[in-house]
Amino acid sequence: MEDAVEKIPEGCVTPKHGECRIPALTICPPPPKKKPIVYAKLRDPPKNGYFQPPDLEALFALAPRREACA
């Protein structure tokens, strides 16, 4: 009769009952699908033309170099 009695360990124990277990997956999920490549549609240039500020060349102009005094 002593064999029928379960021994309960002291302290915290992980539950081992079937309802407490995480179910095992039988098949793997499919891999993610690649998104289709969408090619950008070429646009016509704007009717009014591109914006060109009047002082655009001044931004890129090089300042004259100063020579060091010896």
Protein backbone atom coordinates (compact mmCIF):
# COMPACT_ATOMS: atom_id res chain seq x y z
CA MET A 1 0.00 0.00 0.00
CA GLU A 2 2.95 2.28 0.55
CA ASP A 3 3.83 2.03 -3.18
CA ALA A 4 0.53 3.70 -4.18
CA VAL A 5 1.28 6.84 -2.19
CA GLU A 6 3.26 9.46 -4.17
CA LYS A 7 6.16 11.09 -2.49
CA ILE A 8 5.75 14.88 -2.57
CA PRO A 9 9.09 16.68 -2.72
CA GLU A 10 9.57 19.74 -0.59
CA GLY A 11 9.78 23.20 -2.18
CA CYS A 12 8.66 24.45 -5.58
CA VAL A 13 8.29 21.95 -8.40
CA THR A 14 7.43 22.35 -12.08
CA PRO A 15 4.00 20.84 -12.80
CA LYS A 16 4.28 17.67 -14.85
CA HIS A 17 0.60 17.04 -15.54
CA GLY A 18 -0.34 16.72 -19.23
CA GLU A 19 -2.69 19.73 -19.11
CA CYS A 20 0.18 21.96 -17.92
CA ARG A 21 2.58 21.11 -20.72
CA ILE A 22 3.09 23.14 -23.89
CA PRO A 23 1.74 21.13 -26.82
CA ALA A 24 4.37 19.92 -29.29
CA LEU A 25 3.92 21.11 -32.88
CA THR A 26 3.65 18.38 -35.43
CA ILE A 27 4.64 20.46 -38.50
CA CYS A 28 6.74 23.59 -38.91
CA PRO A 29 5.04 26.76 -40.12
CA PRO A 30 5.82 27.82 -43.71
CA PRO A 31 8.62 30.34 -44.30
CA PRO A 32 7.63 33.97 -44.83
CA LYS A 33 6.88 34.89 -48.42
CA LYS A 34 9.01 37.42 -50.28
CA LYS A 35 7.28 40.62 -51.25
CA PRO A 36 7.03 41.13 -55.01
CA ILE A 37 9.43 43.66 -56.52
CA VAL A 38 7.59 46.79 -57.59
CA TYR A 39 9.37 48.85 -60.20
CA ALA A 40 8.90 52.58 -59.89
CA LYS A 41 7.08 54.21 -62.75
CA LEU A 42 9.21 56.84 -64.47
CA ARG A 43 7.61 60.26 -64.20
CA ASP A 44 7.64 63.08 -66.72
CA PRO A 45 9.54 66.22 -65.65
CA PRO A 46 7.39 68.89 -63.99
CA LYS A 47 5.53 71.25 -66.33
CA ASN A 48 6.97 74.37 -64.68
CA GLY A 49 10.50 72.97 -64.67
CA TYR A 50 12.69 72.22 -61.67
CA PHE A 51 13.23 74.87 -59.00
CA GLN A 52 16.50 76.73 -59.50
CA PRO A 53 17.29 79.45 -56.98
CA PRO A 54 19.02 82.49 -58.49
CA ASP A 55 22.08 82.24 -56.22
CA LEU A 56 22.68 78.50 -56.61
CA GLU A 57 26.10 79.01 -58.17
CA ALA A 58 27.17 81.24 -55.24
CA LEU A 59 26.75 78.30 -52.86
CA PHE A 60 29.31 76.24 -54.75
CA ALA A 61 31.76 78.99 -55.63
CA LEU A 62 35.20 78.56 -54.07
CA ALA A 63 36.56 81.39 -51.94
CA PRO A 64 39.98 82.68 -53.04
CA ARG A 65 42.88 81.26 -51.01
CA ARG A 66 44.81 83.55 -48.76
CA GLU A 67 48.54 83.24 -48.71
CA ALA A 68 50.25 83.14 -45.32
CA CYS A 69 52.41 86.07 -44.37
CA ALA A 70 56.03 85.08 -43.80
